[in-house]
C-alpha atoms as a PDB file:
ATOM      1  CA  MET A   1      14.314  -9.011  46.218  1.00  0.00           C
ATOM      2  CA  ARG A   2      11.401  -6.551  46.317  1.00  0.00           C
ATOM      3  CA  ARG A   3      13.755  -3.778  45.361  1.00  0.00           C
ATOM      4  CA  HIS A   4      14.427  -5.451  41.984  1.00  0.00           C
ATOM      5  CA  ALA A   5      10.815  -6.340  41.270  1.00  0.00           C
ATOM      6  CA  LEU A   6       9.557  -2.752  40.889  1.00  0.00           C
ATOM      7  CA  PRO A   7      11.932  -1.736  38.049  1.00  0.00           C
ATOM      8  CA  LEU A   8      11.218  -4.984  36.199  1.00  0.00           C
ATOM      9  CA  LEU A   9       7.496  -4.467  36.599  1.00  0.00           C
ATOM     10  CA  MET A  10       7.776  -0.902  35.261  1.00  0.00           C
ATOM     11  CA  LEU A  11       9.894  -2.011  32.290  1.00  0.00           C
ATOM     12  CA  SER A  12       7.429  -4.721  31.336  1.00  0.00           C
ATOM     13  CA  ALA A  13       4.518  -2.251  31.616  1.00  0.00           C
ATOM     14  CA  ILE A  14       6.303   0.262  29.360  1.00  0.00           C
ATOM     15  CA  GLY A  15       7.132  -2.505  26.887  1.00  0.00           C
ATOM     16  CA  GLY A  16       3.495  -3.564  26.815  1.00  0.00           C
ATOM     17  CA  LEU A  17       2.339  -0.016  26.130  1.00  0.00           C
ATOM     18  CA  LEU A  18       4.836   0.418  23.305  1.00  0.00           C
ATOM     19  CA  SER A  19       3.883  -2.862  21.643  1.00  0.00           C
ATOM     20  CA  GLY A  20       0.235  -1.833  21.903  1.00  0.00           C
ATOM     21  CA  CYS A  21       1.017   1.407  20.065  1.00  0.00           C
ATOM     22  CA  THR A  22       2.734  -0.531  17.269  1.00  0.00           C
ATOM     23  CA  ILE A  23      -0.217  -2.897  16.899  1.00  0.00           C
ATOM     24  CA  ALA A  24      -2.692   0.001  16.868  1.00  0.00           C
ATOM     25  CA  HIS A  25      -0.658   1.744  14.148  1.00  0.00           C
ATOM     26  CA  ARG A  26      -0.621  -1.401  11.974  1.00  0.00           C
ATOM     27  CA  VAL A  27      -4.346  -1.901  12.407  1.00  0.00           C
ATOM     28  CA  SER A  28      -5.068   1.716  11.455  1.00  0.00           C
ATOM     29  CA  GLU A  29      -2.985   1.308   8.282  1.00  0.00           C
ATOM     30  CA  ALA A  30      -4.924  -1.824   7.324  1.00  0.00           C
ATOM     31  CA  VAL A  31      -8.307  -0.206   7.971  1.00  0.00           C
ATOM     32  CA  ASN A  32      -7.639   3.391   6.940  1.00  0.00           C
ATOM     33  CA  PRO A  33      -7.015   3.749   3.166  1.00  0.00           C
ATOM     34  CA  GLU A  34      -5.797   7.314   3.710  1.00  0.00           C
ATOM     35  CA  SER A  35      -2.676   5.889   5.373  1.00  0.00           C
ATOM     36  CA  ILE A  36      -1.757   4.154   2.085  1.00  0.00           C
ATOM     37  CA  GLY A  37      -0.209   6.341  -0.595  1.00  0.00           C
ATOM     38  CA  LEU A  38      -1.961   6.883  -3.910  1.00  0.00           C
ATOM     39  CA  GLY A  39       0.636   4.736  -5.659  1.00  0.00           C
ATOM     40  CA  GLY A  40      -0.134   1.885  -3.263  1.00  0.00           C
ATOM     41  CA  ARG A  41      -3.854   2.277  -3.861  1.00  0.00           C
ATOM     42  CA  CYS A  42      -3.298   2.168  -7.618  1.00  0.00           C
ATOM     43  CA  ALA A  43      -1.091  -0.930  -7.216  1.00  0.00           C
ATOM     44  CA  ASP A  44      -3.907  -2.594  -5.255  1.00  0.00           C
ATOM     45  CA  ILE A  45      -6.308  -1.885  -8.139  1.00  0.00           C
ATOM     46  CA  ILE A  46      -3.902  -3.475 -10.630  1.00  0.00           C
ATOM     47  CA  LYS A  47      -3.642  -6.593  -8.479  1.00  0.00           C
ATOM     48  CA  ALA A  48      -7.419  -6.740  -7.987  1.00  0.00           C
ATOM     49  CA  ALA A  49      -8.022  -6.453 -11.748  1.00  0.00           C
ATOM     50  CA  ILE A  50      -6.026  -9.655 -12.359  1.00  0.00           C
ATOM     51  CA  PRO A  51      -6.605 -11.549  -9.100  1.00  0.00           C
ATOM     52  CA  ASN A  52      -4.928 -14.841 -10.092  1.00  0.00           C
ATOM     53  CA  ALA A  53      -1.783 -13.191 -11.476  1.00  0.00           C
ATOM     54  CA  ASP A  54       1.550 -13.025  -9.673  1.00  0.00           C
ATOM     55  CA  ILE A  55       2.380  -9.322 -10.016  1.00  0.00           C
ATOM     56  CA  ARG A  56       5.451  -7.694  -8.490  1.00  0.00           C
ATOM     57  CA  ILE A  57       5.161  -3.913  -8.255  1.00  0.00           C
ATOM     58  CA  ASP A  58       8.465  -2.387  -9.353  1.00  0.00           C
ATOM     59  CA  SER A  59       7.680   1.322  -9.040  1.00  0.00           C
ATOM     60  CA  SER A  60       4.923   3.692  -8.043  1.00  0.00           C
ATOM     61  CA  THR A  61       4.877   7.473  -8.128  1.00  0.00           C
ATOM     62  CA  ALA A  62       2.275  10.187  -7.781  1.00  0.00           C
ATOM     63  CA  ALA A  63       2.316  13.656  -9.297  1.00  0.00           C
ATOM     64  CA  ASP A  64       0.158  16.737  -8.663  1.00  0.00           C
ATOM     65  CA  MET A  65      -1.898  17.896 -11.610  1.00  0.00           C
ATOM     66  CA  ASP A  66      -3.490  20.745  -9.643  1.00  0.00           C
ATOM     67  CA  ILE A  67      -4.438  21.457  -6.038  1.00  0.00           C
ATOM     68  CA  ARG A  68      -7.171  18.759  -6.058  1.00  0.00           C
ATOM     69  CA  THR A  69      -5.991  16.239  -8.676  1.00  0.00           C
ATOM     70  CA  MET A  70      -3.154  13.738  -8.586  1.00  0.00           C
ATOM     71  CA  VAL A  71      -2.087  11.001 -11.003  1.00  0.00           C
ATOM     72  CA  ALA A  72      -0.385   7.842  -9.762  1.00  0.00           C
ATOM     73  CA  HIS A  73       1.845   5.861 -12.138  1.00  0.00           C
ATOM     74  CA  VAL A  74       2.458   2.221 -11.233  1.00  0.00           C
ATOM     75  CA  ALA A  75       4.631  -0.287 -13.079  1.00  0.00           C
ATOM     76  CA  GLY A  76       5.239  -3.916 -12.341  1.00  0.00           C
ATOM     77  CA  THR A  77       6.064  -7.317 -13.736  1.00  0.00           C
ATOM     78  CA  ARG A  78       3.628 -10.150 -14.209  1.00  0.00           C
ATOM     79  CA  ARG A  79       5.543 -13.278 -13.190  1.00  0.00           C
ATOM     80  CA  ASP A  80       2.915 -16.001 -13.679  1.00  0.00           C
ATOM     81  CA  LEU A  81       3.340 -16.169 -17.469  1.00  0.00           C
ATOM     82  CA  LYS A  82       5.914 -18.207 -19.428  1.00  0.00           C
ATOM     83  CA  GLU A  83       7.757 -14.971 -20.136  1.00  0.00           C
ATOM     84  CA  PRO A  84       7.561 -12.215 -17.486  1.00  0.00           C
ATOM     85  CA  ALA A  85       5.523  -9.345 -18.902  1.00  0.00           C
ATOM     86  CA  PRO A  86       5.304  -5.668 -17.965  1.00  0.00           C
ATOM     87  CA  VAL A  87       2.131  -4.343 -16.365  1.00  0.00           C
ATOM     88  CA  ALA A  88       1.504  -0.637 -15.820  1.00  0.00           C
ATOM     89  CA  ALA A  89      -1.383   1.720 -15.164  1.00  0.00           C
ATOM     90  CA  GLU A  90      -2.270   5.288 -14.291  1.00  0.00           C
ATOM     91  CA  CYS A  91      -4.856   6.192 -11.687  1.00  0.00           C
ATOM     92  CA  ASP A  92      -6.454   9.632 -11.446  1.00  0.00           C
ATOM     93  CA  PHE A  93      -7.495  10.859  -7.997  1.00  0.00           C
ATOM     94  CA  THR A  94      -9.564  13.953  -7.232  1.00  0.00           C
ATOM     95  CA  ASP A  95      -9.664  14.903  -3.563  1.00  0.00           C
ATOM     96  CA  GLY A  96      -8.289  11.420  -2.793  1.00  0.00           C
ATOM     97  CA  ILE A  97     -11.100   9.627  -4.662  1.00  0.00           C
ATOM     98  CA  LEU A  98     -10.324   7.411  -7.654  1.00  0.00           C
ATOM     99  CA  THR A  99     -11.831   9.068 -10.737  1.00  0.00           C
ATOM    100  CA  GLY A 100      -9.949   7.376 -13.572  1.00  0.00           C
ATOM    101  CA  PHE A 101      -7.954   4.241 -14.388  1.00  0.00           C
ATOM    102  CA  ARG A 102      -5.959   3.438 -17.555  1.00  0.00           C
ATOM    103  CA  TRP A 103      -3.773   0.476 -18.443  1.00  0.00           C
ATOM    104  CA  THR A 104      -0.541   1.727 -20.005  1.00  0.00           C
ATOM    105  CA  ALA A 105       1.045  -1.735 -20.406  1.00  0.00           C
ATOM    106  CA  GLY A 106      -0.270  -5.273 -20.061  1.00  0.00           C
ATOM    107  CA  GLY A 107      -3.552  -5.682 -18.284  1.00  0.00           C
ATOM    108  CA  PRO A 108      -6.134  -8.453 -18.221  1.00  0.00           C
ATOM    109  CA  ALA A 109      -6.952 -10.377 -21.364  1.00  0.00           C
ATOM    110  CA  PRO A 110     -10.056  -9.034 -23.167  1.00  0.00           C
END
């Protein structure tokens, strides 16, 4: 019986270590904005600008403008209205810092 206990103990220890790595990775993604792509960051800004809206993000892309500047394009659908409406924006990032935001479709009511 002892002979079988050691392999089981080792397997459970390895499993515990691996699950700990997965949890640590998820926590670092939640805390570290650099682990989120620029499109995801722009999508978060869209959702924060209209906090009570039900917005589904349909696409997000990012393109280099130069070595330091990128533009993220995000498009989605606002589903909390009688008729679903498009929502889209562009976010400018310089060295990973948001420097510009423009609505290209939809947006909050004035």
